[in-house]
Amino acid sequence: MPARSSTSRLGGFIAAMSELADRAGRDESVMIGEGRRLLADLVSQDDWLPDEFARPHPQFYSQYLLYCDPFERFSIVSFVWGPGQTTPIHNHTVWGLIGMLRGAETSLRYEAGSPMIETGLDRLEPGDVDVVSPNVGDIHKVSNALADQTSISIHVYGANIGAVSRAVFDPLTGAGKDFVSGYSNSRLPNPWRGVNV
C-alpha cells in the first residue's frame, strides 16, 4: 500500500479535475488540453496507486474504477494489463485521456471501413499521455507492449465510461457490436468477457 502522503496525489488530481469541470463545463477542448497536463503530472510519479487497483487478471485485462464525478462529467480508471493481454478494436464515444503509469502499451488506431483501416501505431511509456475522442480519433485496439510483465495505465473519460454504450468492431467487415464495459471492481461483468466479433 502506498504511503499516506502518496495516496493524496489521486485526491489532488480529483480535486483539480473537479475544478476544471466546474470551470470548463462540457468544453471538450479545454477538458482535454488542461486535463492532459494534470494527468501527465499524476502519472509522473508511481507511488500512489493502491495494490487493489493494480492487480492483473490471468485472462482478461482489468478496468478498476478509481473515481466517478457525481455528475458523471468524468471518471478515472486504472487499466491493468497482464502479459500479452489486448482489447478488441473498440470506440469510446466520449473524450478520453490515457496516461501510462507502469510498463508500456501500444494503441493501434483505426478508421471505420470494410475492412477496418489501420491509421497508426502509438507506444506509451511511463509518463506519456494520449488522447481519444470522436473529434480526434476514437477507434483503437490496445495491448500490453510487454510480454513478461504487467502494465498499468490511468484513463480519464468525459463520462462514467463503465456505463456508456459503445462498440467493438470486426476487423474484416467493420461491423460493430454494442457493449457496456462496467468495471472489474463492481458487480458488472469484466469489460471484454464474452465480447466476440
N, C-alpha and C. Protein backbone atom coordinates (compact mmCIF):
# COMPACT_ATOMS: atom_id res chain seq x y z
N MET A 1 0.85 -1.19 0.00
CA MET A 1 0.00 0.00 0.00
C MET A 1 0.89 1.24 0.00
N PRO A 2 0.59 2.22 -0.88
CA PRO A 2 1.40 3.42 -0.89
C PRO A 2 1.34 4.17 0.43
N ALA A 3 2.35 4.98 0.68
CA ALA A 3 2.36 5.81 1.87
C ALA A 3 1.18 6.76 1.84
N ARG A 4 0.72 7.17 3.01
CA ARG A 4 -0.44 8.03 3.10
C ARG A 4 -0.28 9.30 2.28
N SER A 5 0.90 9.93 2.33
CA SER A 5 1.12 11.16 1.58
C SER A 5 1.05 10.90 0.07
N SER A 6 1.42 9.70 -0.37
CA SER A 6 1.39 9.38 -1.79
C SER A 6 -0.04 9.24 -2.31
N THR A 7 -0.94 8.67 -1.50
CA THR A 7 -2.32 8.50 -1.95
C THR A 7 -3.00 9.84 -2.12
N SER A 8 -2.49 10.89 -1.52
CA SER A 8 -3.10 12.21 -1.71
C SER A 8 -2.88 12.72 -3.13
N ARG A 9 -1.96 12.10 -3.89
CA ARG A 9 -1.79 12.52 -5.29
C ARG A 9 -3.10 12.32 -6.05
N LEU A 10 -3.75 11.17 -5.85
CA LEU A 10 -5.02 10.93 -6.53
C LEU A 10 -6.07 11.92 -6.04
N GLY A 11 -6.13 12.18 -4.74
CA GLY A 11 -7.08 13.15 -4.22
C GLY A 11 -6.87 14.54 -4.81
N GLY A 12 -5.63 14.93 -4.95
CA GLY A 12 -5.32 16.22 -5.56
C GLY A 12 -5.73 16.26 -7.02
N PHE A 13 -5.53 15.16 -7.72
CA PHE A 13 -5.93 15.09 -9.13
C PHE A 13 -7.46 15.17 -9.26
N ILE A 14 -8.18 14.46 -8.39
CA ILE A 14 -9.65 14.52 -8.41
C ILE A 14 -10.13 15.94 -8.17
N ALA A 15 -9.53 16.61 -7.19
CA ALA A 15 -9.92 17.99 -6.89
C ALA A 15 -9.64 18.90 -8.09
N ALA A 16 -8.48 18.74 -8.72
CA ALA A 16 -8.13 19.59 -9.86
C ALA A 16 -9.06 19.32 -11.05
N MET A 17 -9.39 18.06 -11.30
CA MET A 17 -10.30 17.74 -12.40
C MET A 17 -11.71 18.25 -12.11
N SER A 18 -12.14 18.19 -10.85
CA SER A 18 -13.46 18.71 -10.48
C SER A 18 -13.52 20.21 -10.70
N GLU A 19 -12.47 20.91 -10.30
CA GLU A 19 -12.41 22.37 -10.52
C GLU A 19 -12.42 22.68 -12.01
N LEU A 20 -11.68 21.90 -12.79
CA LEU A 20 -11.64 22.09 -14.23
C LEU A 20 -13.02 21.87 -14.84
N ALA A 21 -13.71 20.81 -14.42
CA ALA A 21 -15.05 20.54 -14.94
C ALA A 21 -16.03 21.63 -14.54
N ASP A 22 -15.90 22.18 -13.32
CA ASP A 22 -16.75 23.29 -12.90
C ASP A 22 -16.56 24.50 -13.81
N ARG A 23 -15.31 24.75 -14.17
CA ARG A 23 -14.96 25.93 -14.97
C ARG A 23 -15.24 25.72 -16.45
N ALA A 24 -14.89 24.54 -16.98
CA ALA A 24 -14.97 24.30 -18.42
C ALA A 24 -16.30 23.72 -18.87
N GLY A 25 -17.07 23.18 -17.94
CA GLY A 25 -18.32 22.53 -18.32
C GLY A 25 -18.05 21.37 -19.26
N ARG A 26 -18.76 21.33 -20.36
CA ARG A 26 -18.60 20.23 -21.34
C ARG A 26 -17.70 20.63 -22.51
N ASP A 27 -16.89 21.68 -22.34
CA ASP A 27 -15.98 22.12 -23.40
C ASP A 27 -14.85 21.12 -23.53
N GLU A 28 -14.95 20.25 -24.54
CA GLU A 28 -14.00 19.16 -24.70
C GLU A 28 -12.57 19.64 -24.89
N SER A 29 -12.38 20.69 -25.66
CA SER A 29 -11.02 21.15 -25.93
C SER A 29 -10.33 21.62 -24.66
N VAL A 30 -11.06 22.27 -23.77
CA VAL A 30 -10.48 22.72 -22.50
C VAL A 30 -10.23 21.52 -21.59
N MET A 31 -11.19 20.61 -21.50
CA MET A 31 -11.02 19.43 -20.65
C MET A 31 -9.82 18.60 -21.10
N ILE A 32 -9.67 18.41 -22.41
CA ILE A 32 -8.53 17.65 -22.92
C ILE A 32 -7.23 18.41 -22.72
N GLY A 33 -7.22 19.68 -23.08
CA GLY A 33 -6.00 20.46 -23.01
C GLY A 33 -5.44 20.56 -21.60
N GLU A 34 -6.29 20.97 -20.66
CA GLU A 34 -5.83 21.13 -19.29
C GLU A 34 -5.78 19.80 -18.55
N GLY A 35 -6.72 18.90 -18.85
CA GLY A 35 -6.72 17.59 -18.21
C GLY A 35 -5.50 16.78 -18.58
N ARG A 36 -5.01 16.94 -19.79
CA ARG A 36 -3.80 16.23 -20.23
C ARG A 36 -2.61 16.62 -19.37
N ARG A 37 -2.48 17.91 -19.09
CA ARG A 37 -1.38 18.38 -18.24
C ARG A 37 -1.52 17.83 -16.82
N LEU A 38 -2.73 17.83 -16.29
CA LEU A 38 -2.96 17.31 -14.93
C LEU A 38 -2.66 15.81 -14.86
N LEU A 39 -3.08 15.05 -15.89
CA LEU A 39 -2.83 13.61 -15.89
C LEU A 39 -1.34 13.31 -16.04
N ALA A 40 -0.65 14.09 -16.87
CA ALA A 40 0.80 13.90 -17.02
C ALA A 40 1.50 14.08 -15.68
N ASP A 41 1.04 15.04 -14.90
CA ASP A 41 1.63 15.25 -13.57
C ASP A 41 1.34 14.06 -12.66
N LEU A 42 0.11 13.54 -12.71
CA LEU A 42 -0.26 12.40 -11.86
C LEU A 42 0.59 11.17 -12.19
N VAL A 43 0.74 10.83 -13.47
CA VAL A 43 1.45 9.61 -13.83
C VAL A 43 2.97 9.78 -13.86
N SER A 44 3.43 10.99 -13.54
CA SER A 44 4.89 11.19 -13.45
C SER A 44 5.47 10.55 -12.20
N GLN A 45 4.62 10.18 -11.25
CA GLN A 45 5.03 9.52 -10.01
C GLN A 45 4.27 8.20 -9.88
N ASP A 46 4.99 7.12 -9.62
CA ASP A 46 4.35 5.81 -9.49
C ASP A 46 4.45 5.33 -8.04
N ASP A 47 3.80 6.08 -7.15
CA ASP A 47 3.86 5.72 -5.73
C ASP A 47 2.51 5.88 -5.04
N TRP A 48 1.43 5.98 -5.81
CA TRP A 48 0.16 6.35 -5.20
C TRP A 48 -0.98 5.36 -5.46
N LEU A 49 -0.85 4.47 -6.44
CA LEU A 49 -1.96 3.58 -6.78
C LEU A 49 -2.03 2.41 -5.80
N PRO A 50 -3.12 2.28 -5.03
CA PRO A 50 -3.24 1.16 -4.09
C PRO A 50 -3.20 -0.19 -4.80
N ASP A 51 -2.65 -1.18 -4.12
CA ASP A 51 -2.45 -2.51 -4.71
C ASP A 51 -3.74 -3.12 -5.25
N GLU A 52 -4.88 -2.86 -4.59
CA GLU A 52 -6.12 -3.49 -5.04
C GLU A 52 -6.58 -2.99 -6.41
N PHE A 53 -6.02 -1.87 -6.87
CA PHE A 53 -6.35 -1.34 -8.20
C PHE A 53 -5.22 -1.58 -9.20
N ALA A 54 -4.28 -2.46 -8.83
CA ALA A 54 -3.13 -2.74 -9.68
C ALA A 54 -2.96 -4.24 -9.93
N ARG A 55 -3.99 -5.03 -9.60
CA ARG A 55 -3.89 -6.49 -9.73
C ARG A 55 -4.32 -6.95 -11.12
N PRO A 56 -3.47 -7.71 -11.81
CA PRO A 56 -3.89 -8.25 -13.11
C PRO A 56 -4.78 -9.47 -12.94
N HIS A 57 -5.60 -9.72 -13.93
CA HIS A 57 -6.40 -10.94 -14.02
C HIS A 57 -5.65 -11.89 -14.95
N PRO A 58 -5.67 -13.20 -14.71
CA PRO A 58 -4.89 -14.11 -15.54
C PRO A 58 -5.35 -14.19 -17.00
N GLN A 59 -6.62 -13.86 -17.30
CA GLN A 59 -7.13 -13.98 -18.66
C GLN A 59 -7.46 -12.65 -19.32
N PHE A 60 -8.04 -11.73 -18.55
CA PHE A 60 -8.57 -10.50 -19.12
C PHE A 60 -7.89 -9.30 -18.47
N TYR A 61 -7.76 -8.23 -19.21
CA TYR A 61 -7.27 -7.03 -18.56
C TYR A 61 -8.32 -6.53 -17.57
N SER A 62 -7.90 -5.81 -16.57
CA SER A 62 -8.81 -5.32 -15.53
C SER A 62 -9.00 -3.83 -15.67
N GLN A 63 -10.24 -3.39 -15.44
CA GLN A 63 -10.64 -1.99 -15.56
C GLN A 63 -11.24 -1.58 -14.22
N TYR A 64 -10.42 -0.95 -13.35
CA TYR A 64 -10.86 -0.61 -11.99
C TYR A 64 -11.30 0.85 -11.92
N LEU A 65 -12.50 1.07 -11.45
CA LEU A 65 -12.97 2.44 -11.23
C LEU A 65 -12.27 3.02 -10.01
N LEU A 66 -11.56 4.14 -10.21
CA LEU A 66 -10.93 4.86 -9.10
C LEU A 66 -11.82 5.97 -8.58
N TYR A 67 -12.55 6.63 -9.51
CA TYR A 67 -13.42 7.73 -9.11
C TYR A 67 -14.37 8.05 -10.25
N CYS A 68 -15.62 8.34 -9.90
CA CYS A 68 -16.58 8.87 -10.87
C CYS A 68 -17.18 10.15 -10.30
N ASP A 69 -17.07 11.23 -11.05
CA ASP A 69 -17.66 12.50 -10.65
C ASP A 69 -19.15 12.31 -10.37
N PRO A 70 -19.69 12.93 -9.33
CA PRO A 70 -21.11 12.73 -9.00
C PRO A 70 -22.06 13.11 -10.13
N PHE A 71 -21.64 14.04 -11.00
CA PHE A 71 -22.46 14.45 -12.14
C PHE A 71 -22.05 13.71 -13.43
N GLU A 72 -21.14 12.73 -13.28
CA GLU A 72 -20.64 11.92 -14.40
C GLU A 72 -20.01 12.77 -15.50
N ARG A 73 -19.38 13.88 -15.09
CA ARG A 73 -18.66 14.71 -16.06
C ARG A 73 -17.33 14.08 -16.42
N PHE A 74 -16.79 13.23 -15.55
CA PHE A 74 -15.57 12.50 -15.84
C PHE A 74 -15.47 11.30 -14.91
N SER A 75 -14.69 10.32 -15.33
CA SER A 75 -14.38 9.16 -14.49
C SER A 75 -12.90 8.86 -14.64
N ILE A 76 -12.34 8.23 -13.60
CA ILE A 76 -10.91 7.89 -13.56
C ILE A 76 -10.80 6.39 -13.34
N VAL A 77 -10.04 5.73 -14.20
CA VAL A 77 -9.99 4.27 -14.21
C VAL A 77 -8.54 3.81 -14.33
N SER A 78 -8.16 2.77 -13.57
CA SER A 78 -6.86 2.14 -13.80
C SER A 78 -7.08 0.90 -14.66
N PHE A 79 -6.30 0.81 -15.74
CA PHE A 79 -6.32 -0.35 -16.62
C PHE A 79 -5.08 -1.16 -16.34
N VAL A 80 -5.28 -2.42 -15.97
CA VAL A 80 -4.17 -3.29 -15.58
C VAL A 80 -4.08 -4.42 -16.60
N TRP A 81 -2.93 -4.50 -17.26
CA TRP A 81 -2.72 -5.42 -18.36
C TRP A 81 -1.75 -6.52 -17.95
N GLY A 82 -2.19 -7.77 -17.97
CA GLY A 82 -1.27 -8.88 -17.80
C GLY A 82 -0.48 -9.07 -19.08
N PRO A 83 0.60 -9.85 -19.04
CA PRO A 83 1.40 -10.09 -20.24
C PRO A 83 0.55 -10.63 -21.39
N GLY A 84 0.69 -10.01 -22.56
CA GLY A 84 0.00 -10.47 -23.76
C GLY A 84 -1.46 -10.09 -23.86
N GLN A 85 -2.02 -9.39 -22.89
CA GLN A 85 -3.44 -9.06 -22.95
C GLN A 85 -3.71 -7.91 -23.90
N THR A 86 -4.88 -7.97 -24.55
CA THR A 86 -5.23 -6.99 -25.57
C THR A 86 -6.74 -6.79 -25.60
N THR A 87 -7.19 -5.71 -26.20
CA THR A 87 -8.62 -5.47 -26.38
C THR A 87 -9.01 -5.78 -27.81
N PRO A 88 -10.29 -5.95 -28.07
CA PRO A 88 -10.77 -5.90 -29.45
C PRO A 88 -10.64 -4.45 -29.97
N ILE A 89 -10.87 -4.25 -31.24
CA ILE A 89 -10.99 -2.90 -31.79
C ILE A 89 -12.27 -2.30 -31.21
N HIS A 90 -12.18 -1.11 -30.64
CA HIS A 90 -13.34 -0.53 -29.96
C HIS A 90 -13.30 0.99 -30.03
N ASN A 91 -14.43 1.60 -29.70
CA ASN A 91 -14.51 3.06 -29.61
C ASN A 91 -14.88 3.47 -28.18
N HIS A 92 -15.05 4.78 -27.97
CA HIS A 92 -15.35 5.31 -26.64
C HIS A 92 -16.58 6.21 -26.64
N THR A 93 -16.83 6.93 -27.71
CA THR A 93 -17.94 7.88 -27.93
C THR A 93 -17.82 9.16 -27.12
N VAL A 94 -16.84 9.26 -26.23
CA VAL A 94 -16.58 10.46 -25.44
C VAL A 94 -15.07 10.71 -25.45
N TRP A 95 -14.65 11.91 -25.02
CA TRP A 95 -13.21 12.19 -24.96
C TRP A 95 -12.57 11.33 -23.87
N GLY A 96 -11.30 11.04 -24.07
CA GLY A 96 -10.56 10.26 -23.08
C GLY A 96 -9.09 10.62 -23.09
N LEU A 97 -8.47 10.49 -21.94
CA LEU A 97 -7.04 10.70 -21.77
C LEU A 97 -6.44 9.41 -21.21
N ILE A 98 -5.33 8.98 -21.76
CA ILE A 98 -4.67 7.75 -21.32
C ILE A 98 -3.27 8.11 -20.86
N GLY A 99 -2.99 7.93 -19.57
CA GLY A 99 -1.67 8.22 -19.02
C GLY A 99 -0.98 6.93 -18.61
N MET A 100 0.23 6.73 -19.10
CA MET A 100 0.95 5.48 -18.79
C MET A 100 1.65 5.62 -17.45
N LEU A 101 1.32 4.72 -16.52
CA LEU A 101 1.89 4.75 -15.18
C LEU A 101 3.05 3.77 -15.03
N ARG A 102 2.87 2.56 -15.55
CA ARG A 102 3.84 1.48 -15.30
C ARG A 102 3.88 0.55 -16.51
N GLY A 103 5.05 0.14 -16.95
CA GLY A 103 5.17 -0.75 -18.10
C GLY A 103 5.03 0.03 -19.40
N ALA A 104 4.34 -0.55 -20.37
CA ALA A 104 4.14 0.08 -21.68
C ALA A 104 2.94 -0.56 -22.36
N GLU A 105 2.27 0.22 -23.22
CA GLU A 105 1.19 -0.33 -24.01
C GLU A 105 1.23 0.25 -25.41
N THR A 106 0.63 -0.47 -26.35
CA THR A 106 0.51 0.02 -27.72
C THR A 106 -0.95 0.28 -28.02
N SER A 107 -1.16 1.27 -28.89
CA SER A 107 -2.50 1.62 -29.35
C SER A 107 -2.46 1.64 -30.87
N LEU A 108 -3.15 0.67 -31.48
CA LEU A 108 -3.27 0.60 -32.93
C LEU A 108 -4.55 1.31 -33.31
N ARG A 109 -4.41 2.45 -33.99
CA ARG A 109 -5.57 3.29 -34.32
C ARG A 109 -6.22 2.85 -35.63
N TYR A 110 -7.53 3.06 -35.71
CA TYR A 110 -8.30 2.66 -36.89
C TYR A 110 -9.28 3.76 -37.28
N GLU A 111 -9.68 3.69 -38.56
CA GLU A 111 -10.85 4.41 -39.07
C GLU A 111 -11.85 3.35 -39.51
N ALA A 112 -13.13 3.74 -39.47
CA ALA A 112 -14.18 2.81 -39.89
C ALA A 112 -14.01 2.46 -41.36
N GLY A 113 -14.31 1.24 -41.69
CA GLY A 113 -14.23 0.77 -43.07
C GLY A 113 -14.54 -0.70 -43.12
N SER A 114 -14.54 -1.24 -44.32
CA SER A 114 -14.78 -2.66 -44.52
C SER A 114 -13.73 -3.18 -45.51
N PRO A 115 -12.56 -3.62 -45.02
CA PRO A 115 -12.21 -3.85 -43.61
C PRO A 115 -11.86 -2.54 -42.88
N MET A 116 -11.67 -2.65 -41.56
CA MET A 116 -11.23 -1.50 -40.77
C MET A 116 -9.86 -1.04 -41.28
N ILE A 117 -9.62 0.27 -41.25
CA ILE A 117 -8.41 0.85 -41.83
C ILE A 117 -7.44 1.24 -40.72
N GLU A 118 -6.25 0.63 -40.69
CA GLU A 118 -5.23 1.00 -39.71
C GLU A 118 -4.66 2.35 -40.08
N THR A 119 -4.57 3.26 -39.08
CA THR A 119 -4.07 4.61 -39.36
C THR A 119 -2.80 4.96 -38.58
N GLY A 120 -2.35 4.10 -37.69
CA GLY A 120 -1.12 4.40 -36.97
C GLY A 120 -1.00 3.59 -35.70
N LEU A 121 0.25 3.44 -35.26
CA LEU A 121 0.54 2.69 -34.04
C LEU A 121 1.30 3.61 -33.08
N ASP A 122 0.79 3.74 -31.87
CA ASP A 122 1.45 4.54 -30.84
C ASP A 122 1.91 3.61 -29.72
N ARG A 123 3.04 3.94 -29.12
CA ARG A 123 3.53 3.21 -27.95
C ARG A 123 3.63 4.20 -26.80
N LEU A 124 3.02 3.85 -25.69
CA LEU A 124 3.06 4.70 -24.50
C LEU A 124 4.02 4.12 -23.49
N GLU A 125 4.89 4.97 -22.99
CA GLU A 125 5.85 4.64 -21.93
C GLU A 125 5.46 5.43 -20.69
N PRO A 126 5.97 5.07 -19.50
CA PRO A 126 5.60 5.80 -18.29
C PRO A 126 5.77 7.32 -18.44
N GLY A 127 4.71 8.03 -18.05
CA GLY A 127 4.68 9.48 -18.15
C GLY A 127 4.03 10.01 -19.41
N ASP A 128 3.87 9.17 -20.44
CA ASP A 128 3.22 9.60 -21.69
C ASP A 128 1.72 9.71 -21.49
N VAL A 129 1.09 10.64 -22.24
CA VAL A 129 -0.36 10.79 -22.22
C VAL A 129 -0.87 10.85 -23.65
N ASP A 130 -1.91 10.07 -23.95
CA ASP A 130 -2.52 10.02 -25.27
C ASP A 130 -3.97 10.49 -25.15
N VAL A 131 -4.59 10.78 -26.29
CA VAL A 131 -5.96 11.31 -26.33
C VAL A 131 -6.79 10.47 -27.30
N VAL A 132 -8.05 10.23 -26.92
CA VAL A 132 -9.05 9.68 -27.83
C VAL A 132 -10.29 10.55 -27.75
N SER A 133 -11.00 10.63 -28.87
CA SER A 133 -12.23 11.41 -28.92
C SER A 133 -12.84 11.22 -30.29
N PRO A 134 -14.16 11.27 -30.40
CA PRO A 134 -14.76 11.25 -31.74
C PRO A 134 -14.26 12.39 -32.63
N ASN A 135 -13.74 13.45 -32.02
CA ASN A 135 -13.26 14.60 -32.79
C ASN A 135 -11.82 14.47 -33.25
N VAL A 136 -11.03 13.59 -32.62
CA VAL A 136 -9.60 13.48 -32.99
C VAL A 136 -9.19 12.05 -33.35
N GLY A 137 -10.10 11.11 -33.23
CA GLY A 137 -9.80 9.70 -33.48
C GLY A 137 -10.21 8.89 -32.27
N ASP A 138 -11.19 8.00 -32.46
CA ASP A 138 -11.84 7.37 -31.32
C ASP A 138 -11.79 5.84 -31.35
N ILE A 139 -11.19 5.27 -32.39
CA ILE A 139 -11.23 3.81 -32.54
C ILE A 139 -9.81 3.27 -32.45
N HIS A 140 -9.60 2.30 -31.57
CA HIS A 140 -8.28 1.69 -31.47
C HIS A 140 -8.36 0.30 -30.85
N LYS A 141 -7.21 -0.38 -30.89
CA LYS A 141 -7.01 -1.67 -30.23
C LYS A 141 -5.79 -1.49 -29.35
N VAL A 142 -5.91 -1.82 -28.07
CA VAL A 142 -4.84 -1.58 -27.11
C VAL A 142 -4.28 -2.91 -26.62
N SER A 143 -2.95 -2.95 -26.45
CA SER A 143 -2.27 -4.17 -25.99
C SER A 143 -1.18 -3.83 -25.01
N ASN A 144 -0.93 -4.76 -24.09
CA ASN A 144 0.26 -4.65 -23.26
C ASN A 144 1.47 -4.83 -24.18
N ALA A 145 2.37 -3.87 -24.18
CA ALA A 145 3.54 -3.93 -25.05
C ALA A 145 4.62 -4.85 -24.51
N LEU A 146 4.46 -5.32 -23.28
CA LEU A 146 5.48 -6.15 -22.64
C LEU A 146 4.99 -7.58 -22.50
N ALA A 147 5.80 -8.52 -22.94
CA ALA A 147 5.41 -9.93 -22.92
C ALA A 147 5.65 -10.60 -21.58
N ASP A 148 6.37 -9.93 -20.67
CA ASP A 148 6.78 -10.61 -19.44
C ASP A 148 6.43 -9.86 -18.16
N GLN A 149 5.61 -8.82 -18.26
CA GLN A 149 5.24 -8.11 -17.03
C GLN A 149 3.93 -7.36 -17.20
N THR A 150 3.38 -6.96 -16.06
CA THR A 150 2.14 -6.20 -16.02
C THR A 150 2.40 -4.76 -16.41
N SER A 151 1.45 -4.17 -17.12
CA SER A 151 1.48 -2.74 -17.43
C SER A 151 0.21 -2.09 -16.90
N ILE A 152 0.32 -0.83 -16.49
CA ILE A 152 -0.83 -0.12 -15.91
C ILE A 152 -0.92 1.28 -16.51
N SER A 153 -2.11 1.62 -16.99
CA SER A 153 -2.37 2.98 -17.47
C SER A 153 -3.57 3.54 -16.72
N ILE A 154 -3.57 4.87 -16.58
CA ILE A 154 -4.64 5.58 -15.90
C ILE A 154 -5.43 6.34 -16.96
N HIS A 155 -6.73 6.09 -17.02
CA HIS A 155 -7.58 6.70 -18.03
C HIS A 155 -8.57 7.66 -17.38
N VAL A 156 -8.81 8.77 -18.05
CA VAL A 156 -9.82 9.74 -17.63
C VAL A 156 -10.76 9.94 -18.81
N TYR A 157 -12.06 9.77 -18.58
CA TYR A 157 -13.04 9.89 -19.65
C TYR A 157 -14.07 10.96 -19.32
N GLY A 158 -14.66 11.53 -20.37
CA GLY A 158 -15.65 12.58 -20.19
C GLY A 158 -17.04 12.05 -19.93
N ALA A 159 -17.15 11.00 -19.14
CA ALA A 159 -18.43 10.38 -18.75
C ALA A 159 -18.10 9.27 -17.76
N ASN A 160 -19.13 8.62 -17.24
CA ASN A 160 -18.95 7.40 -16.46
C ASN A 160 -18.75 6.28 -17.47
N ILE A 161 -17.51 6.05 -17.90
CA ILE A 161 -17.24 5.20 -19.05
C ILE A 161 -17.76 3.77 -18.86
N GLY A 162 -17.86 3.29 -17.65
CA GLY A 162 -18.37 1.94 -17.42
C GLY A 162 -19.84 1.78 -17.72
N ALA A 163 -20.55 2.91 -17.88
CA ALA A 163 -21.99 2.86 -18.16
C ALA A 163 -22.32 3.35 -19.57
N VAL A 164 -21.31 3.68 -20.36
CA VAL A 164 -21.53 4.23 -21.71
C VAL A 164 -21.68 3.08 -22.71
N SER A 165 -22.69 3.16 -23.56
CA SER A 165 -22.86 2.19 -24.63
C SER A 165 -21.90 2.54 -25.76
N ARG A 166 -21.01 1.59 -26.09
CA ARG A 166 -20.02 1.79 -27.14
C ARG A 166 -20.01 0.57 -28.04
N ALA A 167 -18.97 0.43 -28.85
CA ALA A 167 -18.97 -0.69 -29.81
C ALA A 167 -17.59 -1.29 -29.95
N VAL A 168 -17.56 -2.60 -30.22
CA VAL A 168 -16.38 -3.29 -30.72
C VAL A 168 -16.63 -3.57 -32.20
N PHE A 169 -15.53 -3.66 -32.97
CA PHE A 169 -15.66 -3.75 -34.42
C PHE A 169 -14.95 -4.98 -34.96
N ASP A 170 -15.60 -5.64 -35.92
CA ASP A 170 -14.98 -6.74 -36.64
C ASP A 170 -13.92 -6.16 -37.57
N PRO A 171 -12.67 -6.62 -37.47
CA PRO A 171 -11.61 -6.01 -38.30
C PRO A 171 -11.81 -6.22 -39.80
N LEU A 172 -12.50 -7.28 -40.20
CA LEU A 172 -12.67 -7.58 -41.63
C LEU A 172 -13.88 -6.89 -42.25
N THR A 173 -14.99 -6.88 -41.52
CA THR A 173 -16.22 -6.31 -42.09
C THR A 173 -16.50 -4.90 -41.60
N GLY A 174 -15.90 -4.52 -40.47
CA GLY A 174 -16.20 -3.22 -39.88
C GLY A 174 -17.50 -3.20 -39.10
N ALA A 175 -18.18 -4.32 -39.03
CA ALA A 175 -19.46 -4.38 -38.31
C ALA A 175 -19.23 -4.13 -36.83
N GLY A 176 -20.10 -3.31 -36.23
CA GLY A 176 -19.99 -3.00 -34.81
C GLY A 176 -20.95 -3.82 -33.97
N LYS A 177 -20.55 -4.07 -32.74
CA LYS A 177 -21.40 -4.77 -31.78
C LYS A 177 -21.39 -3.95 -30.50
N ASP A 178 -22.58 -3.55 -30.03
CA ASP A 178 -22.68 -2.69 -28.85
C ASP A 178 -22.29 -3.45 -27.58
N PHE A 179 -21.69 -2.71 -26.65
CA PHE A 179 -21.38 -3.27 -25.33
C PHE A 179 -21.32 -2.13 -24.32
N VAL A 180 -21.46 -2.48 -23.06
CA VAL A 180 -21.26 -1.58 -21.92
C VAL A 180 -20.22 -2.25 -21.05
N SER A 181 -19.10 -1.59 -20.79
CA SER A 181 -17.96 -2.27 -20.18
C SER A 181 -18.12 -2.62 -18.71
N GLY A 182 -18.76 -1.75 -17.94
CA GLY A 182 -18.75 -1.95 -16.50
C GLY A 182 -17.34 -1.79 -15.96
N TYR A 183 -17.11 -2.29 -14.73
CA TYR A 183 -15.81 -2.19 -14.08
C TYR A 183 -15.47 -3.52 -13.43
N SER A 184 -14.20 -3.82 -13.35
CA SER A 184 -13.76 -5.07 -12.72
C SER A 184 -14.04 -5.10 -11.22
N ASN A 185 -14.12 -3.92 -10.58
CA ASN A 185 -14.38 -3.86 -9.15
C ASN A 185 -15.84 -3.49 -8.87
N SER A 186 -16.74 -4.01 -9.71
CA SER A 186 -18.17 -3.85 -9.47
C SER A 186 -18.85 -5.18 -9.76
N ARG A 187 -20.14 -5.21 -9.63
CA ARG A 187 -20.88 -6.44 -9.91
C ARG A 187 -21.13 -6.64 -11.40
N LEU A 188 -20.77 -5.64 -12.20
CA LEU A 188 -20.94 -5.76 -13.63
C LEU A 188 -19.86 -6.68 -14.20
N PRO A 189 -20.09 -7.28 -15.36
CA PRO A 189 -19.10 -8.22 -15.90
C PRO A 189 -17.80 -7.55 -16.32
N ASN A 190 -16.75 -8.36 -16.43
CA ASN A 190 -15.47 -7.89 -16.92
C ASN A 190 -15.68 -7.26 -18.29
N PRO A 191 -14.98 -6.17 -18.61
CA PRO A 191 -15.25 -5.43 -19.84
C PRO A 191 -15.30 -6.26 -21.12
N TRP A 192 -14.39 -7.20 -21.32
CA TRP A 192 -14.33 -7.88 -22.62
C TRP A 192 -14.77 -9.33 -22.54
N ARG A 193 -15.15 -9.82 -21.38
CA ARG A 193 -15.55 -11.22 -21.28
C ARG A 193 -16.82 -11.43 -22.13
N GLY A 194 -16.77 -12.35 -23.04
CA GLY A 194 -17.93 -12.67 -23.85
C GLY A 194 -18.14 -11.75 -25.03
N VAL A 195 -17.24 -10.79 -25.25
CA VAL A 195 -17.37 -9.90 -26.40
C VAL A 195 -16.59 -10.51 -27.55
N ASN A 196 -17.30 -11.09 -28.49
CA ASN A 196 -16.66 -11.71 -29.65
C ASN A 196 -17.29 -11.15 -30.92
N VAL A 197 -16.46 -10.67 -31.82
CA VAL A 197 -16.98 -10.22 -33.12
C VAL A 197 -16.15 -10.82 -34.21
